[in-house]
PDB file of N, CA and C in Angstrom:
ATOM      1  N   MET A   1      38.943  95.045 106.574  1.00  0.00           N
ATOM      2  CA  MET A   1      38.448  93.978 105.728  1.00  0.00           C
ATOM      3  C   MET A   1      38.046  92.751 106.549  1.00  0.00           C
ATOM      4  N   LYS A   2      38.661  92.589 107.721  1.00  0.00           N
ATOM      5  CA  LYS A   2      38.305  91.445 108.557  1.00  0.00           C
ATOM      6  C   LYS A   2      36.849  91.501 108.988  1.00  0.00           C
ATOM      7  N   ARG A   3      36.315  92.697 109.049  1.00  0.00           N
ATOM      8  CA  ARG A   3      34.925  92.850 109.460  1.00  0.00           C
ATOM      9  C   ARG A   3      33.983  92.082 108.534  1.00  0.00           C
ATOM     10  N   TYR A   4      34.290  92.061 107.239  1.00  0.00           N
ATOM     11  CA  TYR A   4      33.429  91.390 106.263  1.00  0.00           C
ATOM     12  C   TYR A   4      33.689  89.891 106.193  1.00  0.00           C
ATOM     13  N   GLU A   5      34.715  89.418 106.868  1.00  0.00           N
ATOM     14  CA  GLU A   5      35.011  87.994 106.903  1.00  0.00           C
ATOM     15  C   GLU A   5      34.485  87.349 108.181  1.00  0.00           C
ATOM     16  N   ALA A   6      33.782  88.114 108.988  1.00  0.00           N
ATOM     17  CA  ALA A   6      33.293  87.610 110.273  1.00  0.00           C
ATOM     18  C   ALA A   6      32.239  86.529 110.056  1.00  0.00           C
ATOM     19  N   HIS A   7      32.061  85.719 111.081  1.00  0.00           N
ATOM     20  CA  HIS A   7      31.103  84.622 111.025  1.00  0.00           C
ATOM     21  C   HIS A   7      29.664  85.141 110.904  1.00  0.00           C
ATOM     22  N   HIS A   8      29.364  86.289 111.494  1.00  0.00           N
ATOM     23  CA  HIS A   8      28.010  86.832 111.491  1.00  0.00           C
ATOM     24  C   HIS A   8      27.890  87.982 110.496  1.00  0.00           C
ATOM     25  N   LEU A   9      28.206  87.721 109.271  1.00  0.00           N
ATOM     26  CA  LEU A   9      28.157  88.723 108.213  1.00  0.00           C
ATOM     27  C   LEU A   9      26.758  89.313 108.071  1.00  0.00           C
ATOM     28  N   PHE A  10      25.724  88.489 108.316  1.00  0.00           N
ATOM     29  CA  PHE A  10      24.350  88.935 108.155  1.00  0.00           C
ATOM     30  C   PHE A  10      23.935  89.960 109.202  1.00  0.00           C
ATOM     31  N   GLN A  11      24.736  90.173 110.240  1.00  0.00           N
ATOM     32  CA  GLN A  11      24.397  91.133 111.282  1.00  0.00           C
ATOM     33  C   GLN A  11      25.080  92.476 111.098  1.00  0.00           C
ATOM     34  N   LEU A  12      25.729  92.700 109.974  1.00  0.00           N
ATOM     35  CA  LEU A  12      26.408  93.960 109.736  1.00  0.00           C
ATOM     36  C   LEU A  12      25.417  95.106 109.604  1.00  0.00           C
ATOM     37  N   ARG A  13      25.805  96.252 110.090  1.00  0.00           N
ATOM     38  CA  ARG A  13      24.971  97.439 110.010  1.00  0.00           C
ATOM     39  C   ARG A  13      24.686  97.812 108.555  1.00  0.00           C
ATOM     40  N   GLU A  14      25.656  97.629 107.685  1.00  0.00           N
ATOM     41  CA  GLU A  14      25.473  97.968 106.274  1.00  0.00           C
ATOM     42  C   GLU A  14      24.378  97.116 105.630  1.00  0.00           C
ATOM     43  N   ILE A  15      24.318  95.853 106.014  1.00  0.00           N
ATOM     44  CA  ILE A  15      23.267  94.966 105.498  1.00  0.00           C
ATOM     45  C   ILE A  15      21.904  95.447 105.983  1.00  0.00           C
ATOM     46  N   ALA A  16      21.810  95.809 107.258  1.00  0.00           N
ATOM     47  CA  ALA A  16      20.547  96.297 107.819  1.00  0.00           C
ATOM     48  C   ALA A  16      20.110  97.590 107.142  1.00  0.00           C
ATOM     49  N   ILE A  17      21.035  98.486 106.908  1.00  0.00           N
ATOM     50  CA  ILE A  17      20.710  99.750 106.242  1.00  0.00           C
ATOM     51  C   ILE A  17      20.234  99.484 104.817  1.00  0.00           C
ATOM     52  N   GLY A  18      20.916  98.591 104.115  1.00  0.00           N
ATOM     53  CA  GLY A  18      20.515  98.259 102.743  1.00  0.00           C
ATOM     54  C   GLY A  18      19.136  97.641 102.682  1.00  0.00           C
ATOM     55  N   LEU A  19      18.855  96.695 103.573  1.00  0.00           N
ATOM     56  CA  LEU A  19      17.535  96.053 103.583  1.00  0.00           C
ATOM     57  C   LEU A  19      16.439  97.041 103.981  1.00  0.00           C
ATOM     58  N   THR A  20      16.754  97.957 104.895  1.00  0.00           N
ATOM     59  CA  THR A  20      15.790  98.978 105.282  1.00  0.00           C
ATOM     60  C   THR A  20      15.484  99.900 104.107  1.00  0.00           C
ATOM     61  N   PHE A  21      16.513 100.287 103.370  1.00  0.00           N
ATOM     62  CA  PHE A  21      16.323 101.132 102.192  1.00  0.00           C
ATOM     63  C   PHE A  21      15.476 100.424 101.147  1.00  0.00           C
ATOM     64  N   ILE A  22      15.754  99.154 100.910  1.00  0.00           N
ATOM     65  CA  ILE A  22      15.000  98.387  99.918  1.00  0.00           C
ATOM     66  C   ILE A  22      13.534  98.264 100.331  1.00  0.00           C
ATOM     67  N   GLY A  23      13.283  97.950 101.604  1.00  0.00           N
ATOM     68  CA  GLY A  23      11.903  97.856 102.088  1.00  0.00           C
ATOM     69  C   GLY A  23      11.170  99.179 101.963  1.00  0.00           C
ATOM     70  N   GLY A  24      11.830 100.264 102.296  1.00  0.00           N
ATOM     71  CA  GLY A  24      11.221 101.589 102.158  1.00  0.00           C
ATOM     72  C   GLY A  24      10.947 101.947 100.716  1.00  0.00           C
ATOM     73  N   PHE A  25      11.871 101.594  99.835  1.00  0.00           N
ATOM     74  CA  PHE A  25      11.675 101.875  98.407  1.00  0.00           C
ATOM     75  C   PHE A  25      10.494 101.081  97.852  1.00  0.00           C
ATOM     76  N   ILE A  26      10.399  99.813  98.236  1.00  0.00           N
ATOM     77  CA  ILE A  26       9.282  98.985  97.770  1.00  0.00           C
ATOM     78  C   ILE A  26       7.958  99.545  98.291  1.00  0.00           C
ATOM     79  N   ASP A  27       7.927  99.952  99.560  1.00  0.00           N
ATOM     80  CA  ASP A  27       6.713 100.560 100.104  1.00  0.00           C
ATOM     81  C   ASP A  27       6.358 101.850  99.378  1.00  0.00           C
ATOM     82  N   ALA A  28       7.347 102.683  99.120  1.00  0.00           N
ATOM     83  CA  ALA A  28       7.079 103.939  98.411  1.00  0.00           C
ATOM     84  C   ALA A  28       6.557 103.670  97.001  1.00  0.00           C
ATOM     85  N   TYR A  29       7.160 102.708  96.311  1.00  0.00           N
ATOM     86  CA  TYR A  29       6.716 102.368  94.955  1.00  0.00           C
ATOM     87  C   TYR A  29       5.276 101.859  94.950  1.00  0.00           C
ATOM     88  N   THR A  30       4.973 100.916  95.832  1.00  0.00           N
ATOM     89  CA  THR A  30       3.626 100.355  95.826  1.00  0.00           C
ATOM     90  C   THR A  30       2.593 101.367  96.320  1.00  0.00           C
ATOM     91  N   PHE A  31       2.976 102.242  97.237  1.00  0.00           N
ATOM     92  CA  PHE A  31       2.020 103.228  97.736  1.00  0.00           C
ATOM     93  C   PHE A  31       1.731 104.294  96.684  1.00  0.00           C
ATOM     94  N   VAL A  32       2.761 104.784  96.028  1.00  0.00           N
ATOM     95  CA  VAL A  32       2.584 105.866  95.057  1.00  0.00           C
ATOM     96  C   VAL A  32       2.056 105.346  93.724  1.00  0.00           C
ATOM     97  N   SER A  33       2.579 104.226  93.259  1.00  0.00           N
ATOM     98  CA  SER A  33       2.265 103.763  91.901  1.00  0.00           C
ATOM     99  C   SER A  33       1.307 102.588  91.832  1.00  0.00           C
ATOM    100  N   ARG A  34       1.075 101.894  92.918  1.00  0.00           N
ATOM    101  CA  ARG A  34       0.312 100.649  92.859  1.00  0.00           C
ATOM    102  C   ARG A  34      -0.844 100.595  93.846  1.00  0.00           C
ATOM    103  N   GLY A  35      -1.652 101.625  93.863  1.00  0.00           N
ATOM    104  CA  GLY A  35      -2.911 101.562  94.582  1.00  0.00           C
ATOM    105  C   GLY A  35      -2.857 101.842  96.068  1.00  0.00           C
ATOM    106  N   ARG A  36      -1.864 102.615  96.523  1.00  0.00           N
ATOM    107  CA  ARG A  36      -1.774 103.001  97.933  1.00  0.00           C
ATOM    108  C   ARG A  36      -1.731 101.790  98.858  1.00  0.00           C
ATOM    109  N   VAL A  37      -0.942 100.783  98.474  1.00  0.00           N
ATOM    110  CA  VAL A  37      -0.737  99.571  99.269  1.00  0.00           C
ATOM    111  C   VAL A  37       0.719  99.549  99.714  1.00  0.00           C
ATOM    112  N   LEU A  38       0.963  99.123 100.939  1.00  0.00           N
ATOM    113  CA  LEU A  38       2.320  98.978 101.450  1.00  0.00           C
ATOM    114  C   LEU A  38       2.707  97.505 101.390  1.00  0.00           C
ATOM    115  N   ALA A  39       3.755  97.191 100.664  1.00  0.00           N
ATOM    116  CA  ALA A  39       4.167  95.801 100.539  1.00  0.00           C
ATOM    117  C   ALA A  39       4.927  95.328 101.773  1.00  0.00           C
ATOM    118  N   ALA A  40       5.653  96.211 102.430  1.00  0.00           N
ATOM    119  CA  ALA A  40       6.451  95.802 103.585  1.00  0.00           C
ATOM    120  C   ALA A  40       5.851  96.263 104.906  1.00  0.00           C
ATOM    121  N   GLY A  41       5.071  97.334 104.904  1.00  0.00           N
ATOM    122  CA  GLY A  41       4.506  97.874 106.137  1.00  0.00           C
ATOM    123  C   GLY A  41       3.085  97.398 106.359  1.00  0.00           C
ATOM    124  N   GLN A  42       2.944  96.245 106.970  1.00  0.00           N
ATOM    125  CA  GLN A  42       1.616  95.639 107.107  1.00  0.00           C
ATOM    126  C   GLN A  42       0.747  96.358 108.132  1.00  0.00           C
ATOM    127  N   THR A  43       1.339  97.046 109.098  1.00  0.00           N
ATOM    128  CA  THR A  43       0.538  97.800 110.055  1.00  0.00           C
ATOM    129  C   THR A  43      -0.241  98.896 109.340  1.00  0.00           C
ATOM    130  N   GLY A  44       0.409  99.578 108.412  1.00  0.00           N
ATOM    131  CA  GLY A  44      -0.269 100.595 107.615  1.00  0.00           C
ATOM    132  C   GLY A  44      -1.358  99.998 106.744  1.00  0.00           C
ATOM    133  N   ASN A  45      -1.136  98.802 106.231  1.00  0.00           N
ATOM    134  CA  ASN A  45      -2.158  98.153 105.406  1.00  0.00           C
ATOM    135  C   ASN A  45      -3.418  97.843 106.204  1.00  0.00           C
ATOM    136  N   ILE A  46      -3.273  97.520 107.473  1.00  0.00           N
ATOM    137  CA  ILE A  46      -4.455  97.256 108.299  1.00  0.00           C
ATOM    138  C   ILE A  46      -5.294  98.529 108.421  1.00  0.00           C
ATOM    139  N   VAL A  47      -4.633  99.654 108.616  1.00  0.00           N
ATOM    140  CA  VAL A  47      -5.351 100.932 108.693  1.00  0.00           C
ATOM    141  C   VAL A  47      -6.020 101.241 107.361  1.00  0.00           C
ATOM    142  N   PHE A  48      -5.271 101.116 106.262  1.00  0.00           N
ATOM    143  CA  PHE A  48      -5.828 101.410 104.941  1.00  0.00           C
ATOM    144  C   PHE A  48      -6.941 100.432 104.572  1.00  0.00           C
ATOM    145  N   LEU A  49      -6.816  99.182 104.998  1.00  0.00           N
ATOM    146  CA  LEU A  49      -7.862  98.189 104.749  1.00  0.00           C
ATOM    147  C   LEU A  49      -9.160  98.587 105.437  1.00  0.00           C
ATOM    148  N   SER A  50      -9.060  99.029 106.679  1.00  0.00           N
ATOM    149  CA  SER A  50     -10.272  99.438 107.392  1.00  0.00           C
ATOM    150  C   SER A  50     -10.914 100.665 106.750  1.00  0.00           C
ATOM    151  N   VAL A  51     -10.113 101.583 106.243  1.00  0.00           N
ATOM    152  CA  VAL A  51     -10.655 102.752 105.535  1.00  0.00           C
ATOM    153  C   VAL A  51     -11.346 102.314 104.252  1.00  0.00           C
ATOM    154  N   ASP A  52     -10.720 101.406 103.499  1.00  0.00           N
ATOM    155  CA  ASP A  52     -11.336 100.919 102.260  1.00  0.00           C
ATOM    156  C   ASP A  52     -12.651 100.197 102.533  1.00  0.00           C
ATOM    157  N   ILE A  53     -12.709  99.426 103.599  1.00  0.00           N
ATOM    158  CA  ILE A  53     -13.955  98.728 103.942  1.00  0.00           C
ATOM    159  C   ILE A  53     -15.028  99.741 104.332  1.00  0.00           C
ATOM    160  N   ALA A  54     -14.650 100.749 105.120  1.00  0.00           N
ATOM    161  CA  ALA A  54     -15.623 101.772 105.530  1.00  0.00           C
ATOM    162  C   ALA A  54     -16.145 102.554 104.338  1.00  0.00           C
ATOM    163  N   GLN A  55     -15.290 102.762 103.320  1.00  0.00           N
ATOM    164  CA  GLN A  55     -15.703 103.493 102.124  1.00  0.00           C
ATOM    165  C   GLN A  55     -16.265 102.578 101.046  1.00  0.00           C
ATOM    166  N   ARG A  56     -16.390 101.305 101.361  1.00  0.00           N
ATOM    167  CA  ARG A  56     -16.914 100.289 100.443  1.00  0.00           C
ATOM    168  C   ARG A  56     -16.103 100.213  99.140  1.00  0.00           C
ATOM    169  N   ASN A  57     -14.790 100.406  99.275  1.00  0.00           N
ATOM    170  CA  ASN A  57     -13.876 100.277  98.139  1.00  0.00           C
ATOM    171  C   ASN A  57     -13.325  98.850  98.160  1.00  0.00           C
ATOM    172  N   LEU A  58     -14.148  97.903  97.747  1.00  0.00           N
ATOM    173  CA  LEU A  58     -13.805  96.487  97.893  1.00  0.00           C
ATOM    174  C   LEU A  58     -12.637  96.026  97.025  1.00  0.00           C
ATOM    175  N   PRO A  59     -12.490  96.493  95.762  1.00  0.00           N
ATOM    176  CA  PRO A  59     -11.305  96.037  95.011  1.00  0.00           C
ATOM    177  C   PRO A  59      -9.984  96.424  95.684  1.00  0.00           C
ATOM    178  N   SER A  60      -9.903  97.630  96.196  1.00  0.00           N
ATOM    179  CA  SER A  60      -8.687  98.057  96.883  1.00  0.00           C
ATOM    180  C   SER A  60      -8.510  97.298  98.200  1.00  0.00           C
ATOM    181  N   ALA A  61      -9.615  97.058  98.897  1.00  0.00           N
ATOM    182  CA  ALA A  61      -9.546  96.297 100.152  1.00  0.00           C
ATOM    183  C   ALA A  61      -9.064  94.872  99.885  1.00  0.00           C
ATOM    184  N   PHE A  62      -9.520  94.275  98.793  1.00  0.00           N
ATOM    185  CA  PHE A  62      -9.100  92.915  98.457  1.00  0.00           C
ATOM    186  C   PHE A  62      -7.605  92.871  98.159  1.00  0.00           C
ATOM    187  N   THR A  63      -7.095  93.879  97.449  1.00  0.00           N
ATOM    188  CA  THR A  63      -5.657  93.932  97.160  1.00  0.00           C
ATOM    189  C   THR A  63      -4.852  94.031  98.451  1.00  0.00           C
ATOM    190  N   LYS A  64      -5.298  94.864  99.377  1.00  0.00           N
ATOM    191  CA  LYS A  64      -4.588  94.998 100.654  1.00  0.00           C
ATOM    192  C   LYS A  64      -4.665  93.700 101.461  1.00  0.00           C
ATOM    193  N   LEU A  65      -5.807  93.063 101.450  1.00  0.00           N
ATOM    194  CA  LEU A  65      -5.971  91.798 102.159  1.00  0.00           C
ATOM    195  C   LEU A  65      -5.054  90.720 101.579  1.00  0.00           C
ATOM    196  N   MET A  66      -4.981  90.631 100.260  1.00  0.00           N
ATOM    197  CA  MET A  66      -4.100  89.642  99.625  1.00  0.00           C
ATOM    198  C   MET A  66      -2.631  89.937  99.931  1.00  0.00           C
ATOM    199  N   THR A  67      -2.272  91.216  99.982  1.00  0.00           N
ATOM    200  CA  THR A  67      -0.898  91.583 100.327  1.00  0.00           C
ATOM    201  C   THR A  67      -0.559  91.128 101.739  1.00  0.00           C
ATOM    202  N   MET A  68      -1.488  91.298 102.662  1.00  0.00           N
ATOM    203  CA  MET A  68      -1.247  90.853 104.039  1.00  0.00           C
ATOM    204  C   MET A  68      -1.164  89.335 104.121  1.00  0.00           C
ATOM    205  N   ILE A  69      -2.004  88.639 103.373  1.00  0.00           N
ATOM    206  CA  ILE A  69      -1.967  87.174 103.375  1.00  0.00           C
ATOM    207  C   ILE A  69      -0.640  86.669 102.813  1.00  0.00           C
ATOM    208  N   PHE A  70      -0.174  87.251 101.709  1.00  0.00           N
ATOM    209  CA  PHE A  70       1.107  86.848 101.128  1.00  0.00           C
ATOM    210  C   PHE A  70       2.254  87.143 102.091  1.00  0.00           C
ATOM    211  N   PHE A  71       2.187  88.249 102.812  1.00  0.00           N
ATOM    212  CA  PHE A  71       3.214  88.582 103.798  1.00  0.00           C
ATOM    213  C   PHE A  71       3.270  87.515 104.889  1.00  0.00           C
ATOM    214  N   ILE A  72       2.098  87.102 105.375  1.00  0.00           N
ATOM    215  CA  ILE A  72       2.028  86.067 106.415  1.00  0.00           C
ATOM    216  C   ILE A  72       2.563  84.736 105.889  1.00  0.00           C
ATOM    217  N   ILE A  73       2.201  84.386 104.656  1.00  0.00           N
ATOM    218  CA  ILE A  73       2.721  83.155 104.048  1.00  0.00           C
ATOM    219  C   ILE A  73       4.236  83.212 103.956  1.00  0.00           C
ATOM    220  N   GLY A  74       4.766  84.364 103.567  1.00  0.00           N
ATOM    221  CA  GLY A  74       6.216  84.534 103.491  1.00  0.00           C
ATOM    222  C   GLY A  74       6.895  84.347 104.829  1.00  0.00           C
ATOM    223  N   ILE A  75       6.280  84.844 105.893  1.00  0.00           N
ATOM    224  CA  ILE A  75       6.835  84.672 107.237  1.00  0.00           C
ATOM    225  C   ILE A  75       6.896  83.187 107.607  1.00  0.00           C
ATOM    226  N   PHE A  76       5.832  82.456 107.296  1.00  0.00           N
ATOM    227  CA  PHE A  76       5.827  81.022 107.610  1.00  0.00           C
ATOM    228  C   PHE A  76       6.870  80.258 106.786  1.00  0.00           C
ATOM    229  N   ILE A  77       7.019  80.598 105.519  1.00  0.00           N
ATOM    230  CA  ILE A  77       8.000  79.914 104.668  1.00  0.00           C
ATOM    231  C   ILE A  77       9.413  80.169 105.172  1.00  0.00           C
ATOM    232  N   VAL A  78       9.726  81.423 105.472  1.00  0.00           N
ATOM    233  CA  VAL A  78      11.066  81.754 105.971  1.00  0.00           C
ATOM    234  C   VAL A  78      11.299  81.088 107.328  1.00  0.00           C
ATOM    235  N   GLY A  79      10.289  81.083 108.191  1.00  0.00           N
ATOM    236  CA  GLY A  79      10.426  80.417 109.492  1.00  0.00           C
ATOM    237  C   GLY A  79      10.687  78.931 109.347  1.00  0.00           C
ATOM    238  N   TYR A  80      10.022  78.302 108.385  1.00  0.00           N
ATOM    239  CA  TYR A  80      10.231  76.875 108.146  1.00  0.00           C
ATOM    240  C   TYR A  80      11.673  76.609 107.713  1.00  0.00           C
ATOM    241  N   PHE A  81      12.172  77.390 106.750  1.00  0.00           N
ATOM    242  CA  PHE A  81      13.528  77.159 106.267  1.00  0.00           C
ATOM    243  C   PHE A  81      14.572  77.544 107.309  1.00  0.00           C
ATOM    244  N   ARG A  82      14.260  78.499 108.161  1.00  0.00           N
ATOM    245  CA  ARG A  82      15.188  78.871 109.219  1.00  0.00           C
ATOM    246  C   ARG A  82      15.351  77.713 110.198  1.00  0.00           C
ATOM    247  N   ASN A  83      14.264  77.073 110.547  1.00  0.00           N
ATOM    248  CA  ASN A  83      14.328  75.947 111.488  1.00  0.00           C
ATOM    249  C   ASN A  83      14.896  74.693 110.838  1.00  0.00           C
ATOM    250  N   LEU A  84      14.834  74.623 109.526  1.00  0.00           N
ATOM    251  CA  LEU A  84      15.310  73.450 108.805  1.00  0.00           C
ATOM    252  C   LEU A  84      16.835  73.367 108.787  1.00  0.00           C
ATOM    253  N   ASN A  85      17.503  74.510 108.673  1.00  0.00           N
ATOM    254  CA  ASN A  85      18.952  74.533 108.525  1.00  0.00           C
ATOM    255  C   ASN A  85      19.574  75.272 109.713  1.00  0.00           C
ATOM    256  N   HIS A  86      20.122  74.539 110.674  1.00  0.00           N
ATOM    257  CA  HIS A  86      20.697  75.145 111.866  1.00  0.00           C
ATOM    258  C   HIS A  86      22.198  75.383 111.738  1.00  0.00           C
ATOM    259  N   ARG A  87      22.836  74.792 110.777  1.00  0.00           N
ATOM    260  CA  ARG A  87      24.296  74.846 110.726  1.00  0.00           C
ATOM    261  C   ARG A  87      24.850  76.066 110.014  1.00  0.00           C
ATOM    262  N   SER A  88      24.095  76.692 109.150  1.00  0.00           N
ATOM    263  CA  SER A  88      24.620  77.787 108.358  1.00  0.00           C
ATOM    264  C   SER A  88      23.657  78.970 108.379  1.00  0.00           C
ATOM    265  N   HIS A  89      24.215  80.161 108.304  1.00  0.00           N
ATOM    266  CA  HIS A  89      23.370  81.345 108.215  1.00  0.00           C
ATOM    267  C   HIS A  89      23.157  81.757 106.758  1.00  0.00           C
ATOM    268  N   TYR A  90      23.618  80.960 105.821  1.00  0.00           N
ATOM    269  CA  TYR A  90      23.445  81.280 104.404  1.00  0.00           C
ATOM    270  C   TYR A  90      22.081  80.862 103.867  1.00  0.00           C
ATOM    271  N   TRP A  91      21.195  80.348 104.733  1.00  0.00           N
ATOM    272  CA  TRP A  91      19.851  79.987 104.292  1.00  0.00           C
ATOM    273  C   TRP A  91      19.086  81.221 103.838  1.00  0.00           C
ATOM    274  N   ARG A  92      19.521  82.421 104.221  1.00  0.00           N
ATOM    275  CA  ARG A  92      18.855  83.661 103.836  1.00  0.00           C
ATOM    276  C   ARG A  92      19.097  84.032 102.377  1.00  0.00           C
ATOM    277  N   LEU A  93      20.198  83.584 101.841  1.00  0.00           N
ATOM    278  CA  LEU A  93      20.607  83.990 100.497  1.00  0.00           C
ATOM    279  C   LEU A  93      19.578  83.668  99.409  1.00  0.00           C
ATOM    280  N   PRO A  94      19.014  82.475  99.351  1.00  0.00           N
ATOM    281  CA  PRO A  94      18.001  82.229  98.314  1.00  0.00           C
ATOM    282  C   PRO A  94      16.795  83.164  98.417  1.00  0.00           C
ATOM    283  N   PHE A  95      16.427  83.564  99.612  1.00  0.00           N
ATOM    284  CA  PHE A  95      15.293  84.481  99.776  1.00  0.00           C
ATOM    285  C   PHE A  95      15.643  85.874  99.279  1.00  0.00           C
ATOM    286  N   LEU A  96      16.873  86.302  99.524  1.00  0.00           N
ATOM    287  CA  LEU A  96      17.294  87.602  99.011  1.00  0.00           C
ATOM    288  C   LEU A  96      17.358  87.599  97.489  1.00  0.00           C
ATOM    289  N   VAL A  97      17.843  86.506  96.920  1.00  0.00           N
ATOM    290  CA  VAL A  97      17.895  86.394  95.457  1.00  0.00           C
ATOM    291  C   VAL A  97      16.483  86.378  94.876  1.00  0.00           C
ATOM    292  N   ALA A  98      15.574  85.654  95.523  1.00  0.00           N
ATOM    293  CA  ALA A  98      14.185  85.611  95.047  1.00  0.00           C
ATOM    294  C   ALA A  98      13.543  86.996  95.131  1.00  0.00           C
ATOM    295  N   GLU A  99      13.799  87.722  96.211  1.00  0.00           N
ATOM    296  CA  GLU A  99      13.238  89.068  96.348  1.00  0.00           C
ATOM    297  C   GLU A  99      13.818  90.005  95.305  1.00  0.00           C
ATOM    298  N   PHE A 100      15.117  89.917  95.077  1.00  0.00           N
ATOM    299  CA  PHE A 100      15.751  90.747  94.054  1.00  0.00           C
ATOM    300  C   PHE A 100      15.172  90.443  92.673  1.00  0.00           C
ATOM    301  N   THR A 101      14.991  89.156  92.373  1.00  0.00           N
ATOM    302  CA  THR A 101      14.427  88.758  91.085  1.00  0.00           C
ATOM    303  C   THR A 101      12.998  89.267  90.928  1.00  0.00           C
ATOM    304  N   ALA A 102      12.192  89.136  91.974  1.00  0.00           N
ATOM    305  CA  ALA A 102      10.815  89.631  91.913  1.00  0.00           C
ATOM    306  C   ALA A 102      10.784  91.136  91.682  1.00  0.00           C
ATOM    307  N   CYS A 103      11.637  91.863  92.375  1.00  0.00           N
ATOM    308  CA  CYS A 103      11.694  93.318  92.184  1.00  0.00           C
ATOM    309  C   CYS A 103      12.132  93.669  90.770  1.00  0.00           C
ATOM    310  N   LEU A 104      13.088  92.926  90.251  1.00  0.00           N
ATOM    311  CA  LEU A 104      13.574  93.182  88.899  1.00  0.00           C
ATOM    312  C   LEU A 104      12.490  92.929  87.857  1.00  0.00           C
ATOM    313  N   VAL A 105      11.796  91.821  87.981  1.00  0.00           N
ATOM    314  CA  VAL A 105      10.730  91.485  87.028  1.00  0.00           C
ATOM    315  C   VAL A 105       9.588  92.487  87.143  1.00  0.00           C
ATOM    316  N   ILE A 106       9.154  92.774  88.360  1.00  0.00           N
ATOM    317  CA  ILE A 106       8.032  93.686  88.566  1.00  0.00           C
ATOM    318  C   ILE A 106       8.381  95.100  88.116  1.00  0.00           C
ATOM    319  N   GLY A 107       9.635  95.470  88.249  1.00  0.00           N
ATOM    320  CA  GLY A 107      10.060  96.794  87.803  1.00  0.00           C
ATOM    321  C   GLY A 107       9.897  97.010  86.309  1.00  0.00           C
ATOM    322  N   PHE A 108       9.908  95.956  85.525  1.00  0.00           N
ATOM    323  CA  PHE A 108       9.759  96.084  84.079  1.00  0.00           C
ATOM    324  C   PHE A 108       8.335  95.829  83.592  1.00  0.00           C
ATOM    325  N   LEU A 109       7.421  95.503  84.491  1.00  0.00           N
ATOM    326  CA  LEU A 109       6.037  95.285  84.085  1.00  0.00           C
ATOM    327  C   LEU A 109       5.358  96.625  83.822  1.00  0.00           C
ATOM    328  N   PRO A 110       4.493  96.682  82.830  1.00  0.00           N
ATOM    329  CA  PRO A 110       3.828  97.956  82.528  1.00  0.00           C
ATOM    330  C   PRO A 110       2.798  98.331  83.587  1.00  0.00           C
ATOM    331  N   LYS A 111       2.438  99.596  83.610  1.00  0.00           N
ATOM    332  CA  LYS A 111       1.464 100.107  84.577  1.00  0.00           C
ATOM    333  C   LYS A 111       0.090  99.473  84.372  1.00  0.00           C
ATOM    334  N   SER A 112      -0.157  98.898  83.198  1.00  0.00           N
ATOM    335  CA  SER A 112      -1.456  98.298  82.893  1.00  0.00           C
ATOM    336  C   SER A 112      -1.686  96.974  83.639  1.00  0.00           C
ATOM    337  N   VAL A 113      -0.633  96.379  84.187  1.00  0.00           N
ATOM    338  CA  VAL A 113      -0.787  95.140  84.948  1.00  0.00           C
ATOM    339  C   VAL A 113      -1.521  95.476  86.250  1.00  0.00           C
ATOM    340  N   PRO A 114      -2.595  94.750  86.574  1.00  0.00           N
ATOM    341  CA  PRO A 114      -3.358  95.075  87.790  1.00  0.00           C
ATOM    342  C   PRO A 114      -2.517  94.983  89.064  1.00  0.00           C
ATOM    343  N   ASN A 115      -2.835  95.850  90.010  1.00  0.00           N
ATOM    344  CA  ASN A 115      -2.101  95.903  91.285  1.00  0.00           C
ATOM    345  C   ASN A 115      -2.164  94.594  92.049  1.00  0.00           C
ATOM    346  N   LEU A 116      -3.234  93.840  91.853  1.00  0.00           N
ATOM    347  CA  LEU A 116      -3.381  92.551  92.544  1.00  0.00           C
ATOM    348  C   LEU A 116      -2.277  91.580  92.168  1.00  0.00           C
ATOM    349  N   TYR A 117      -1.691  91.728  90.980  1.00  0.00           N
ATOM    350  CA  TYR A 117      -0.602  90.849  90.538  1.00  0.00           C
ATOM    351  C   TYR A 117       0.779  91.390  90.914  1.00  0.00           C
ATOM    352  N   ILE A 118       0.834  92.624  91.407  1.00  0.00           N
ATOM    353  CA  ILE A 118       2.113  93.259  91.699  1.00  0.00           C
ATOM    354  C   ILE A 118       2.424  93.262  93.196  1.00  0.00           C
ATOM    355  N   THR A 119       1.505  93.774  93.997  1.00  0.00           N
ATOM    356  CA  THR A 119       1.812  93.985  95.410  1.00  0.00           C
ATOM    357  C   THR A 119       1.915  92.714  96.256  1.00  0.00           C
ATOM    358  N   PRO A 120       1.058  91.700  96.081  1.00  0.00           N
ATOM    359  CA  PRO A 120       1.244  90.497  96.916  1.00  0.00           C
ATOM    360  C   PRO A 120       2.600  89.801  96.736  1.00  0.00           C
ATOM    361  N   PRO A 121       3.112  89.639  95.503  1.00  0.00           N
ATOM    362  CA  PRO A 121       4.447  89.010  95.412  1.00  0.00           C
ATOM    363  C   PRO A 121       5.542  89.841  96.059  1.00  0.00           C
ATOM    364  N   LEU A 122       5.417  91.157  96.044  1.00  0.00           N
ATOM    365  CA  LEU A 122       6.417  91.989  96.700  1.00  0.00           C
ATOM    366  C   LEU A 122       6.357  91.868  98.214  1.00  0.00           C
ATOM    367  N   ALA A 123       5.175  91.538  98.736  1.00  0.00           N
ATOM    368  CA  ALA A 123       5.033  91.411 100.189  1.00  0.00           C
ATOM    369  C   ALA A 123       5.732  90.159 100.670  1.00  0.00           C
TER     370      ALA A 123
END
């Protein structure tokens, strides 16, 4: 039990495994159900974006582009808050809660909601 009381709780292997599973699940959901877009795997989106552009599939290319832009914005926001609070490692908690909330809300949205409104917030 002392392991979970450690100062670096965020570095536990169980946390990493859980976050990896969640990222993989989100990617699988968006790829299979939401227009073959990867919300967490941006390297794959670059490949799929180039294929969509070559095939002149502009709506799908736009969705992938917006997903990548939202991912980059998310990186900058998290980087800003990380540099803002040096004393505690609990600055991650609001981001995890926000991600959980987004997944929960998006999970209940009907399939009729356009992919452009689903995949960028997940990224």
